[in-house]
Amino acid sequence: MSDEQPPLGLRERKKLDTRQALSDAALELAFARGLGNITRDDIAARAGVSVRTFNNYFTGKHEALAYRQIERVRRSLIVFRGRPVDEPLWEAIAAAIVEPLEADGAGQYLPSPEQLAVVRELLDAPETRIAVSKGVFDDWIEAIAERTGTDADHDLYPRLVAGVLGAIYQSVTETYTRADPPVLITTLLRRAVDEVAAGLPEPSAT
């Protein structure tokens, strides 16, 4: 299946740009003030739009902050669908989940300990977990079923793989925000997929 998407019209492009600007403004303010010290009014003002416009795109600050991660997961799905059909499953998954991060420059970015503390607080919030998980991994189940010739509704395998993928994302992000010294998130993602593909062998004693 092709991973090419039809070009966006001007209206859709403007909507996407506004959504991205609001998410960026939310992240900038969270890093500057702390997650608990920002409101939707602050985010709207930072992005140069009205609070009404903010409400047209997001239900609150957590959803605005989660948008970047949600979009990366969705872009990963597009990449996954376009990977060679004869590529081993977990190699295709690894390439798919890393590519959007590298395209955004996150593969070379090491945040400060203060920024990691904000990200950790954000990821620990129930509102963020709900926003990220909503609908995204259902699409992964369907894509995995298509690739493996299984049934998304009745077979265990695609749900199991998608569940493991969700655990990879959660484990990697939690490790990433607690790493000392900081480590590239793409390094952790590749390592996690390699460990899963190898059957999660017990760590060697050192």
N, C-alpha and C. Protein backbone atom coordinates (compact mmCIF):
# COMPACT_ATOMS: atom_id res chain seq x y z
N MET A 1 0.85 -1.21 0.00
CA MET A 1 0.00 0.00 0.00
C MET A 1 0.88 1.25 0.00
N SER A 2 0.56 2.23 -0.80
CA SER A 2 1.38 3.43 -0.91
C SER A 2 1.25 4.29 0.32
N ASP A 3 2.36 4.97 0.70
CA ASP A 3 2.31 5.88 1.85
C ASP A 3 2.14 7.32 1.41
N GLU A 4 1.88 7.54 0.11
CA GLU A 4 1.70 8.89 -0.37
C GLU A 4 0.30 9.37 -0.01
N GLN A 5 0.23 10.66 0.37
CA GLN A 5 -1.04 11.26 0.74
C GLN A 5 -1.38 12.37 -0.24
N PRO A 6 -2.66 12.57 -0.55
CA PRO A 6 -3.03 13.65 -1.47
C PRO A 6 -2.66 15.00 -0.87
N PRO A 7 -2.27 15.96 -1.71
CA PRO A 7 -1.89 17.27 -1.18
C PRO A 7 -3.06 17.95 -0.50
N LEU A 8 -2.76 18.70 0.55
CA LEU A 8 -3.79 19.41 1.29
C LEU A 8 -4.21 20.67 0.55
N GLY A 9 -5.49 21.00 0.64
CA GLY A 9 -5.97 22.27 0.11
C GLY A 9 -5.56 23.40 1.04
N LEU A 10 -5.76 24.63 0.60
CA LEU A 10 -5.36 25.79 1.38
C LEU A 10 -6.05 25.83 2.74
N ARG A 11 -7.34 25.54 2.77
CA ARG A 11 -8.09 25.57 4.03
C ARG A 11 -7.55 24.53 5.01
N GLU A 12 -7.32 23.32 4.51
CA GLU A 12 -6.81 22.26 5.37
C GLU A 12 -5.40 22.58 5.86
N ARG A 13 -4.60 23.18 4.97
CA ARG A 13 -3.23 23.55 5.34
C ARG A 13 -3.24 24.60 6.45
N LYS A 14 -4.14 25.57 6.36
CA LYS A 14 -4.24 26.60 7.39
C LYS A 14 -4.68 26.01 8.72
N LYS A 15 -5.60 25.07 8.67
CA LYS A 15 -6.05 24.41 9.90
C LYS A 15 -4.90 23.65 10.55
N LEU A 16 -4.15 22.94 9.72
CA LEU A 16 -3.01 22.18 10.24
C LEU A 16 -1.97 23.12 10.84
N ASP A 17 -1.70 24.23 10.17
CA ASP A 17 -0.72 25.20 10.67
C ASP A 17 -1.17 25.79 12.00
N THR A 18 -2.47 26.08 12.13
CA THR A 18 -2.99 26.65 13.38
C THR A 18 -2.88 25.63 14.51
N ARG A 19 -3.22 24.40 14.22
CA ARG A 19 -3.13 23.35 15.24
C ARG A 19 -1.68 23.18 15.71
N GLN A 20 -0.76 23.19 14.74
CA GLN A 20 0.66 23.04 15.08
C GLN A 20 1.15 24.24 15.89
N ALA A 21 0.72 25.45 15.50
CA ALA A 21 1.14 26.66 16.21
C ALA A 21 0.65 26.64 17.65
N LEU A 22 -0.56 26.19 17.87
CA LEU A 22 -1.10 26.10 19.23
C LEU A 22 -0.34 25.07 20.05
N SER A 23 -0.03 23.94 19.46
CA SER A 23 0.73 22.91 20.18
C SER A 23 2.13 23.41 20.51
N ASP A 24 2.77 24.07 19.55
CA ASP A 24 4.10 24.62 19.79
C ASP A 24 4.08 25.66 20.91
N ALA A 25 3.06 26.53 20.88
CA ALA A 25 2.94 27.56 21.91
C ALA A 25 2.74 26.93 23.28
N ALA A 26 1.95 25.86 23.35
CA ALA A 26 1.72 25.18 24.62
C ALA A 26 3.02 24.60 25.16
N LEU A 27 3.81 23.99 24.29
CA LEU A 27 5.07 23.39 24.74
C LEU A 27 6.06 24.46 25.19
N GLU A 28 6.15 25.54 24.44
CA GLU A 28 7.06 26.63 24.81
C GLU A 28 6.70 27.20 26.18
N LEU A 29 5.40 27.40 26.41
CA LEU A 29 4.96 27.95 27.69
C LEU A 29 5.18 26.96 28.83
N ALA A 30 4.94 25.69 28.56
CA ALA A 30 5.15 24.66 29.60
C ALA A 30 6.61 24.61 30.02
N PHE A 31 7.51 24.69 29.05
CA PHE A 31 8.94 24.70 29.37
C PHE A 31 9.34 25.96 30.13
N ALA A 32 8.71 27.09 29.79
CA ALA A 32 9.08 28.36 30.41
C ALA A 32 8.48 28.53 31.81
N ARG A 33 7.24 28.05 32.01
CA ARG A 33 6.53 28.34 33.26
C ARG A 33 6.21 27.11 34.10
N GLY A 34 6.24 25.94 33.48
CA GLY A 34 5.78 24.74 34.16
C GLY A 34 4.36 24.43 33.74
N LEU A 35 4.04 23.14 33.65
CA LEU A 35 2.75 22.71 33.13
C LEU A 35 1.57 23.26 33.92
N GLY A 36 1.73 23.33 35.24
CA GLY A 36 0.61 23.79 36.06
C GLY A 36 0.37 25.28 36.01
N ASN A 37 1.23 26.02 35.34
CA ASN A 37 1.13 27.49 35.34
C ASN A 37 0.72 28.06 34.00
N ILE A 38 0.11 27.23 33.14
CA ILE A 38 -0.37 27.74 31.85
C ILE A 38 -1.84 27.39 31.68
N THR A 39 -2.54 28.24 30.94
CA THR A 39 -3.96 28.05 30.65
C THR A 39 -4.18 28.12 29.15
N ARG A 40 -5.39 27.77 28.74
CA ARG A 40 -5.71 27.88 27.31
C ARG A 40 -5.65 29.33 26.84
N ASP A 41 -5.97 30.27 27.74
CA ASP A 41 -5.86 31.69 27.39
C ASP A 41 -4.40 32.06 27.09
N ASP A 42 -3.49 31.55 27.91
CA ASP A 42 -2.07 31.83 27.69
C ASP A 42 -1.61 31.26 26.35
N ILE A 43 -2.05 30.04 26.06
CA ILE A 43 -1.62 29.37 24.83
C ILE A 43 -2.16 30.11 23.61
N ALA A 44 -3.43 30.48 23.67
CA ALA A 44 -4.03 31.21 22.55
C ALA A 44 -3.31 32.53 22.31
N ALA A 45 -3.02 33.25 23.39
CA ALA A 45 -2.33 34.53 23.25
C ALA A 45 -0.94 34.34 22.65
N ARG A 46 -0.23 33.30 23.09
CA ARG A 46 1.11 33.03 22.57
C ARG A 46 1.07 32.71 21.08
N ALA A 47 0.02 32.01 20.65
CA ALA A 47 -0.11 31.64 19.24
C ALA A 47 -0.74 32.75 18.40
N GLY A 48 -1.23 33.79 19.05
CA GLY A 48 -1.80 34.91 18.32
C GLY A 48 -3.21 34.66 17.80
N VAL A 49 -3.97 33.81 18.53
CA VAL A 49 -5.35 33.54 18.13
C VAL A 49 -6.26 33.73 19.35
N SER A 50 -7.56 33.63 19.11
CA SER A 50 -8.52 33.78 20.21
C SER A 50 -8.67 32.47 20.97
N VAL A 51 -9.20 32.58 22.18
CA VAL A 51 -9.49 31.38 22.98
C VAL A 51 -10.54 30.54 22.26
N ARG A 52 -11.46 31.19 21.58
CA ARG A 52 -12.47 30.45 20.81
C ARG A 52 -11.81 29.58 19.74
N THR A 53 -10.79 30.14 19.10
CA THR A 53 -10.07 29.36 18.09
C THR A 53 -9.37 28.17 18.74
N PHE A 54 -8.75 28.41 19.90
CA PHE A 54 -8.13 27.29 20.63
C PHE A 54 -9.15 26.19 20.88
N ASN A 55 -10.34 26.57 21.34
CA ASN A 55 -11.37 25.59 21.68
C ASN A 55 -11.89 24.84 20.45
N ASN A 56 -11.71 25.43 19.28
CA ASN A 56 -12.11 24.74 18.05
C ASN A 56 -11.17 23.59 17.71
N TYR A 57 -9.96 23.62 18.28
CA TYR A 57 -8.95 22.62 17.93
C TYR A 57 -8.65 21.64 19.06
N PHE A 58 -8.71 22.12 20.30
CA PHE A 58 -8.33 21.27 21.42
C PHE A 58 -9.29 21.45 22.58
N THR A 59 -9.43 20.37 23.38
CA THR A 59 -10.30 20.44 24.55
C THR A 59 -9.60 21.05 25.75
N GLY A 60 -8.29 21.12 25.71
CA GLY A 60 -7.53 21.67 26.83
C GLY A 60 -6.04 21.63 26.54
N LYS A 61 -5.25 22.07 27.52
CA LYS A 61 -3.81 22.18 27.30
C LYS A 61 -3.14 20.82 27.12
N HIS A 62 -3.64 19.80 27.80
CA HIS A 62 -3.02 18.48 27.68
C HIS A 62 -3.17 17.93 26.26
N GLU A 63 -4.34 18.13 25.69
CA GLU A 63 -4.54 17.67 24.32
C GLU A 63 -3.67 18.46 23.35
N ALA A 64 -3.53 19.76 23.59
CA ALA A 64 -2.66 20.57 22.73
C ALA A 64 -1.22 20.11 22.82
N LEU A 65 -0.78 19.80 24.02
CA LEU A 65 0.59 19.35 24.22
C LEU A 65 0.82 17.95 23.65
N ALA A 66 -0.22 17.12 23.69
CA ALA A 66 -0.09 15.74 23.19
C ALA A 66 -0.14 15.68 21.66
N TYR A 67 -0.55 16.76 21.03
CA TYR A 67 -0.76 16.74 19.57
C TYR A 67 0.48 16.31 18.81
N ARG A 68 1.65 16.80 19.21
CA ARG A 68 2.89 16.46 18.51
C ARG A 68 3.13 14.95 18.54
N GLN A 69 2.94 14.34 19.70
CA GLN A 69 3.15 12.90 19.82
C GLN A 69 2.11 12.13 19.01
N ILE A 70 0.86 12.57 19.07
CA ILE A 70 -0.20 11.90 18.32
C ILE A 70 0.09 11.93 16.83
N GLU A 71 0.52 13.07 16.32
CA GLU A 71 0.80 13.19 14.90
C GLU A 71 1.99 12.33 14.49
N ARG A 72 2.97 12.23 15.35
CA ARG A 72 4.11 11.36 15.03
C ARG A 72 3.68 9.90 14.95
N VAL A 73 2.81 9.48 15.85
CA VAL A 73 2.31 8.11 15.81
C VAL A 73 1.53 7.88 14.52
N ARG A 74 0.72 8.83 14.12
CA ARG A 74 -0.06 8.68 12.89
C ARG A 74 0.85 8.68 11.65
N ARG A 75 1.87 9.52 11.67
CA ARG A 75 2.81 9.52 10.55
C ARG A 75 3.60 8.20 10.50
N SER A 76 3.89 7.66 11.67
CA SER A 76 4.55 6.35 11.72
C SER A 76 3.70 5.29 11.04
N LEU A 77 2.40 5.37 11.26
CA LEU A 77 1.49 4.41 10.65
C LEU A 77 1.53 4.51 9.12
N ILE A 78 1.59 5.73 8.61
CA ILE A 78 1.68 5.92 7.16
C ILE A 78 2.97 5.30 6.62
N VAL A 79 4.08 5.55 7.34
CA VAL A 79 5.36 4.97 6.92
C VAL A 79 5.29 3.45 6.96
N PHE A 80 4.70 2.91 8.02
CA PHE A 80 4.59 1.46 8.17
C PHE A 80 3.85 0.83 7.00
N ARG A 81 2.76 1.44 6.61
CA ARG A 81 1.97 0.90 5.49
C ARG A 81 2.76 0.92 4.18
N GLY A 82 3.74 1.79 4.08
CA GLY A 82 4.52 1.89 2.86
C GLY A 82 5.81 1.09 2.85
N ARG A 83 6.12 0.39 3.95
CA ARG A 83 7.35 -0.40 4.01
C ARG A 83 7.25 -1.62 3.09
N PRO A 84 8.40 -2.13 2.59
CA PRO A 84 8.38 -3.30 1.70
C PRO A 84 7.65 -4.48 2.34
N VAL A 85 6.86 -5.18 1.54
CA VAL A 85 6.02 -6.25 2.09
C VAL A 85 6.85 -7.43 2.58
N ASP A 86 8.08 -7.59 2.05
CA ASP A 86 8.91 -8.72 2.47
C ASP A 86 9.84 -8.37 3.63
N GLU A 87 9.74 -7.17 4.16
CA GLU A 87 10.57 -6.76 5.29
C GLU A 87 10.04 -7.41 6.57
N PRO A 88 10.91 -7.94 7.43
CA PRO A 88 10.43 -8.50 8.70
C PRO A 88 9.60 -7.48 9.47
N LEU A 89 8.57 -7.98 10.14
CA LEU A 89 7.59 -7.11 10.79
C LEU A 89 8.23 -6.09 11.72
N TRP A 90 9.09 -6.55 12.64
CA TRP A 90 9.62 -5.63 13.63
C TRP A 90 10.65 -4.67 13.04
N GLU A 91 11.29 -5.04 11.94
CA GLU A 91 12.16 -4.08 11.24
C GLU A 91 11.31 -2.97 10.64
N ALA A 92 10.17 -3.34 10.06
CA ALA A 92 9.27 -2.34 9.49
C ALA A 92 8.73 -1.42 10.58
N ILE A 93 8.39 -1.98 11.73
CA ILE A 93 7.88 -1.17 12.84
C ILE A 93 8.95 -0.21 13.33
N ALA A 94 10.18 -0.71 13.49
CA ALA A 94 11.27 0.15 13.97
C ALA A 94 11.49 1.33 13.03
N ALA A 95 11.56 1.05 11.73
CA ALA A 95 11.77 2.12 10.76
C ALA A 95 10.63 3.12 10.80
N ALA A 96 9.40 2.62 10.96
CA ALA A 96 8.23 3.48 10.93
C ALA A 96 8.15 4.42 12.13
N ILE A 97 8.49 3.93 13.32
CA ILE A 97 8.33 4.77 14.51
C ILE A 97 9.48 5.75 14.68
N VAL A 98 10.62 5.45 14.06
CA VAL A 98 11.77 6.35 14.19
C VAL A 98 11.74 7.46 13.14
N GLU A 99 11.23 7.16 11.95
CA GLU A 99 11.32 8.13 10.85
C GLU A 99 10.70 9.49 11.16
N PRO A 100 9.48 9.58 11.71
CA PRO A 100 8.91 10.91 12.01
C PRO A 100 9.75 11.70 13.01
N LEU A 101 10.32 11.04 13.98
CA LEU A 101 11.18 11.72 14.96
C LEU A 101 12.42 12.29 14.28
N GLU A 102 13.02 11.51 13.41
CA GLU A 102 14.21 11.99 12.71
C GLU A 102 13.85 13.13 11.77
N ALA A 103 12.69 13.05 11.12
CA ALA A 103 12.25 14.11 10.21
C ALA A 103 12.04 15.42 10.96
N ASP A 104 11.59 15.33 12.22
CA ASP A 104 11.35 16.53 13.04
C ASP A 104 12.61 17.03 13.75
N GLY A 105 13.70 16.31 13.61
CA GLY A 105 14.93 16.70 14.29
C GLY A 105 15.06 16.17 15.70
N ALA A 106 14.06 15.41 16.16
CA ALA A 106 14.10 14.89 17.53
C ALA A 106 15.17 13.82 17.70
N GLY A 107 15.62 13.25 16.59
CA GLY A 107 16.65 12.24 16.68
C GLY A 107 18.01 12.77 17.05
N GLN A 108 18.16 14.12 17.03
CA GLN A 108 19.44 14.73 17.40
C GLN A 108 19.29 15.67 18.59
N TYR A 109 18.11 15.68 19.22
CA TYR A 109 17.82 16.67 20.27
C TYR A 109 17.90 16.05 21.65
N LEU A 110 18.71 16.63 22.50
CA LEU A 110 18.81 16.21 23.90
C LEU A 110 18.25 17.33 24.78
N PRO A 111 17.07 17.15 25.37
CA PRO A 111 16.48 18.21 26.20
C PRO A 111 17.23 18.34 27.52
N SER A 112 17.02 19.48 28.15
CA SER A 112 17.63 19.73 29.46
C SER A 112 16.88 18.94 30.53
N PRO A 113 17.49 18.74 31.70
CA PRO A 113 16.78 18.07 32.80
C PRO A 113 15.48 18.77 33.17
N GLU A 114 15.47 20.09 33.11
CA GLU A 114 14.25 20.85 33.44
C GLU A 114 13.14 20.57 32.41
N GLN A 115 13.52 20.50 31.14
CA GLN A 115 12.54 20.20 30.10
C GLN A 115 12.02 18.77 30.25
N LEU A 116 12.91 17.85 30.59
CA LEU A 116 12.49 16.46 30.78
C LEU A 116 11.51 16.34 31.94
N ALA A 117 11.70 17.15 32.97
CA ALA A 117 10.78 17.12 34.11
C ALA A 117 9.38 17.55 33.68
N VAL A 118 9.30 18.54 32.79
CA VAL A 118 8.00 18.98 32.27
C VAL A 118 7.37 17.89 31.42
N VAL A 119 8.17 17.27 30.55
CA VAL A 119 7.65 16.19 29.71
C VAL A 119 7.17 15.03 30.57
N ARG A 120 7.91 14.72 31.62
CA ARG A 120 7.52 13.63 32.51
C ARG A 120 6.18 13.94 33.18
N GLU A 121 6.01 15.15 33.63
CA GLU A 121 4.74 15.55 34.26
C GLU A 121 3.60 15.46 33.26
N LEU A 122 3.88 15.88 32.03
CA LEU A 122 2.86 15.83 30.99
C LEU A 122 2.45 14.39 30.69
N LEU A 123 3.43 13.51 30.55
CA LEU A 123 3.14 12.12 30.20
C LEU A 123 2.46 11.37 31.34
N ASP A 124 2.69 11.81 32.57
CA ASP A 124 2.08 11.16 33.73
C ASP A 124 0.61 11.57 33.92
N ALA A 125 0.20 12.65 33.27
CA ALA A 125 -1.16 13.15 33.45
C ALA A 125 -2.16 12.25 32.75
N PRO A 126 -3.23 11.84 33.44
CA PRO A 126 -4.25 10.98 32.81
C PRO A 126 -4.84 11.61 31.55
N GLU A 127 -4.98 12.94 31.54
CA GLU A 127 -5.55 13.61 30.37
C GLU A 127 -4.69 13.39 29.13
N THR A 128 -3.37 13.36 29.32
CA THR A 128 -2.47 13.14 28.19
C THR A 128 -2.56 11.70 27.70
N ARG A 129 -2.59 10.75 28.61
CA ARG A 129 -2.67 9.34 28.22
C ARG A 129 -3.94 9.08 27.41
N ILE A 130 -5.05 9.68 27.82
CA ILE A 130 -6.31 9.50 27.11
C ILE A 130 -6.21 10.11 25.71
N ALA A 131 -5.63 11.32 25.62
CA ALA A 131 -5.53 12.00 24.33
C ALA A 131 -4.66 11.22 23.35
N VAL A 132 -3.56 10.65 23.84
CA VAL A 132 -2.63 9.93 22.97
C VAL A 132 -3.20 8.60 22.52
N SER A 133 -3.86 7.89 23.41
CA SER A 133 -4.31 6.54 23.09
C SER A 133 -5.60 6.51 22.28
N LYS A 134 -6.36 7.60 22.28
CA LYS A 134 -7.69 7.63 21.68
C LYS A 134 -7.66 7.34 20.18
N GLY A 135 -8.04 6.15 19.79
CA GLY A 135 -8.18 5.83 18.38
C GLY A 135 -6.90 5.48 17.65
N VAL A 136 -5.74 5.92 18.14
CA VAL A 136 -4.51 5.77 17.39
C VAL A 136 -4.13 4.30 17.21
N PHE A 137 -4.17 3.52 18.28
CA PHE A 137 -3.70 2.15 18.19
C PHE A 137 -4.73 1.22 17.55
N ASP A 138 -5.98 1.65 17.44
CA ASP A 138 -6.94 0.89 16.63
C ASP A 138 -6.48 0.87 15.18
N ASP A 139 -5.96 1.98 14.70
CA ASP A 139 -5.45 2.04 13.33
C ASP A 139 -4.24 1.12 13.16
N TRP A 140 -3.39 1.04 14.19
CA TRP A 140 -2.24 0.16 14.12
C TRP A 140 -2.68 -1.31 14.06
N ILE A 141 -3.70 -1.67 14.79
CA ILE A 141 -4.21 -3.04 14.75
C ILE A 141 -4.62 -3.40 13.33
N GLU A 142 -5.33 -2.50 12.67
CA GLU A 142 -5.77 -2.76 11.30
C GLU A 142 -4.58 -2.89 10.35
N ALA A 143 -3.59 -2.01 10.50
CA ALA A 143 -2.43 -2.04 9.62
C ALA A 143 -1.61 -3.32 9.82
N ILE A 144 -1.46 -3.74 11.06
CA ILE A 144 -0.71 -4.96 11.36
C ILE A 144 -1.46 -6.17 10.81
N ALA A 145 -2.78 -6.16 10.95
CA ALA A 145 -3.58 -7.27 10.42
C ALA A 145 -3.44 -7.35 8.90
N GLU A 146 -3.47 -6.21 8.23
CA GLU A 146 -3.32 -6.19 6.78
C GLU A 146 -1.96 -6.77 6.37
N ARG A 147 -0.92 -6.37 7.08
CA ARG A 147 0.43 -6.80 6.72
C ARG A 147 0.65 -8.29 6.99
N THR A 148 0.03 -8.80 8.03
CA THR A 148 0.29 -10.18 8.45
C THR A 148 -0.79 -11.15 7.98
N GLY A 149 -1.80 -10.67 7.27
CA GLY A 149 -2.85 -11.55 6.79
C GLY A 149 -3.73 -12.09 7.88
N THR A 150 -3.88 -11.33 8.95
CA THR A 150 -4.74 -11.76 10.05
C THR A 150 -6.00 -10.90 10.10
N ASP A 151 -6.90 -11.23 10.98
CA ASP A 151 -8.19 -10.55 11.10
C ASP A 151 -8.13 -9.58 12.28
N ALA A 152 -8.33 -8.30 11.98
CA ALA A 152 -8.24 -7.28 13.03
C ALA A 152 -9.32 -7.42 14.08
N ASP A 153 -10.45 -7.99 13.73
CA ASP A 153 -11.56 -8.12 14.67
C ASP A 153 -11.50 -9.39 15.51
N HIS A 154 -10.95 -10.46 14.95
CA HIS A 154 -11.09 -11.76 15.61
C HIS A 154 -9.77 -12.42 16.03
N ASP A 155 -8.66 -12.01 15.41
CA ASP A 155 -7.39 -12.67 15.72
C ASP A 155 -6.64 -11.96 16.84
N LEU A 156 -5.95 -12.76 17.62
CA LEU A 156 -5.17 -12.21 18.73
C LEU A 156 -3.93 -11.47 18.25
N TYR A 157 -3.29 -11.99 17.21
CA TYR A 157 -1.96 -11.52 16.85
C TYR A 157 -1.87 -10.00 16.60
N PRO A 158 -2.70 -9.40 15.76
CA PRO A 158 -2.54 -7.96 15.51
C PRO A 158 -2.75 -7.12 16.77
N ARG A 159 -3.66 -7.55 17.63
CA ARG A 159 -3.88 -6.81 18.87
C ARG A 159 -2.69 -6.98 19.82
N LEU A 160 -2.11 -8.15 19.81
CA LEU A 160 -0.95 -8.40 20.66
C LEU A 160 0.23 -7.53 20.22
N VAL A 161 0.49 -7.49 18.90
CA VAL A 161 1.59 -6.67 18.39
C VAL A 161 1.34 -5.20 18.68
N ALA A 162 0.12 -4.73 18.46
CA ALA A 162 -0.20 -3.32 18.74
C ALA A 162 -0.06 -3.03 20.23
N GLY A 163 -0.46 -3.99 21.08
CA GLY A 163 -0.30 -3.81 22.52
C GLY A 163 1.16 -3.71 22.91
N VAL A 164 2.00 -4.56 22.31
CA VAL A 164 3.44 -4.49 22.58
C VAL A 164 4.00 -3.16 22.10
N LEU A 165 3.53 -2.70 20.94
CA LEU A 165 3.99 -1.41 20.43
C LEU A 165 3.61 -0.28 21.39
N GLY A 166 2.40 -0.34 21.95
CA GLY A 166 2.00 0.65 22.93
C GLY A 166 2.89 0.60 24.17
N ALA A 167 3.24 -0.62 24.59
CA ALA A 167 4.14 -0.77 25.74
C ALA A 167 5.53 -0.22 25.42
N ILE A 168 5.97 -0.39 24.19
CA ILE A 168 7.26 0.17 23.78
C ILE A 168 7.24 1.68 23.89
N TYR A 169 6.21 2.30 23.35
CA TYR A 169 6.11 3.77 23.43
C TYR A 169 6.12 4.23 24.89
N GLN A 170 5.32 3.58 25.72
CA GLN A 170 5.23 4.00 27.12
C GLN A 170 6.55 3.79 27.85
N SER A 171 7.15 2.62 27.66
CA SER A 171 8.41 2.32 28.35
C SER A 171 9.53 3.24 27.90
N VAL A 172 9.58 3.50 26.60
CA VAL A 172 10.64 4.36 26.07
C VAL A 172 10.47 5.79 26.56
N THR A 173 9.26 6.32 26.53
CA THR A 173 9.07 7.70 26.95
C THR A 173 9.35 7.87 28.45
N GLU A 174 8.97 6.88 29.24
CA GLU A 174 9.24 6.97 30.68
C GLU A 174 10.75 6.88 30.95
N THR A 175 11.43 5.99 30.24
CA THR A 175 12.89 5.89 30.39
C THR A 175 13.57 7.15 29.90
N TYR A 176 13.08 7.69 28.79
CA TYR A 176 13.64 8.91 28.19
C TYR A 176 13.58 10.09 29.15
N THR A 177 12.45 10.25 29.83
CA THR A 177 12.29 11.40 30.71
C THR A 177 13.04 11.25 32.03
N ARG A 178 13.52 10.03 32.32
CA ARG A 178 14.24 9.80 33.57
C ARG A 178 15.73 9.53 33.35
N ALA A 179 16.16 9.54 32.10
CA ALA A 179 17.56 9.21 31.79
C ALA A 179 18.51 10.26 32.35
N ASP A 180 19.59 9.82 32.94
CA ASP A 180 20.60 10.71 33.49
C ASP A 180 21.99 10.09 33.25
N PRO A 181 22.75 10.60 32.28
CA PRO A 181 22.49 11.77 31.47
C PRO A 181 21.42 11.50 30.40
N PRO A 182 20.89 12.58 29.78
CA PRO A 182 19.86 12.41 28.74
C PRO A 182 20.35 11.53 27.59
N VAL A 183 19.41 10.85 26.96
CA VAL A 183 19.72 9.97 25.83
C VAL A 183 18.74 10.28 24.70
N LEU A 184 19.16 10.05 23.46
CA LEU A 184 18.28 10.29 22.32
C LEU A 184 17.10 9.31 22.35
N ILE A 185 15.92 9.83 22.11
CA ILE A 185 14.74 8.97 22.15
C ILE A 185 14.76 7.94 21.03
N THR A 186 15.36 8.28 19.89
CA THR A 186 15.45 7.32 18.79
C THR A 186 16.35 6.14 19.15
N THR A 187 17.38 6.40 19.94
CA THR A 187 18.25 5.31 20.40
C THR A 187 17.47 4.33 21.27
N LEU A 188 16.65 4.87 22.16
CA LEU A 188 15.84 4.02 23.03
C LEU A 188 14.79 3.24 22.25
N LEU A 189 14.18 3.87 21.26
CA LEU A 189 13.17 3.18 20.47
C LEU A 189 13.78 2.01 19.71
N ARG A 190 14.91 2.23 19.08
CA ARG A 190 15.56 1.14 18.34
C ARG A 190 15.95 0.00 19.28
N ARG A 191 16.47 0.37 20.44
CA ARG A 191 16.88 -0.65 21.41
C ARG A 191 15.68 -1.46 21.89
N ALA A 192 14.57 -0.77 22.15
CA ALA A 192 13.38 -1.45 22.63
C ALA A 192 12.84 -2.43 21.60
N VAL A 193 12.77 -2.00 20.34
CA VAL A 193 12.27 -2.89 19.30
C VAL A 193 13.20 -4.08 19.11
N ASP A 194 14.50 -3.84 19.15
CA ASP A 194 15.47 -4.94 19.03
C ASP A 194 15.27 -5.96 20.15
N GLU A 195 15.04 -5.48 21.37
CA GLU A 195 14.85 -6.37 22.51
C GLU A 195 13.58 -7.21 22.32
N VAL A 196 12.51 -6.57 21.87
CA VAL A 196 11.26 -7.30 21.65
C VAL A 196 11.43 -8.32 20.53
N ALA A 197 12.04 -7.92 19.43
CA ALA A 197 12.24 -8.83 18.31
C ALA A 197 13.09 -10.03 18.69
N ALA A 198 13.99 -9.84 19.65
CA ALA A 198 14.86 -10.93 20.12
C ALA A 198 14.18 -11.80 21.18
N GLY A 199 12.95 -11.46 21.54
CA GLY A 199 12.24 -12.25 22.53
C GLY A 199 12.46 -11.81 23.96
N LEU A 200 12.93 -10.59 24.15
CA LEU A 200 13.19 -10.04 25.48
C LEU A 200 14.08 -10.97 26.33
N PRO A 201 15.29 -11.24 25.86
CA PRO A 201 16.21 -12.06 26.66
C PRO A 201 16.56 -11.34 27.96
N GLU A 202 16.85 -12.11 29.00
CA GLU A 202 17.23 -11.51 30.26
C GLU A 202 18.55 -10.76 30.10
N PRO A 203 18.71 -9.61 30.77
CA PRO A 203 19.95 -8.85 30.67
C PRO A 203 21.14 -9.69 31.15
N SER A 204 22.24 -9.52 30.48
CA SER A 204 23.46 -10.26 30.88
C SER A 204 23.99 -9.67 32.17
N ALA A 205 24.47 -10.52 33.05
CA ALA A 205 25.08 -10.05 34.30
C ALA A 205 26.41 -9.38 33.98
N THR A 206 26.66 -8.24 34.62
CA THR A 206 27.92 -7.52 34.39
C THR A 206 28.65 -7.34 35.70
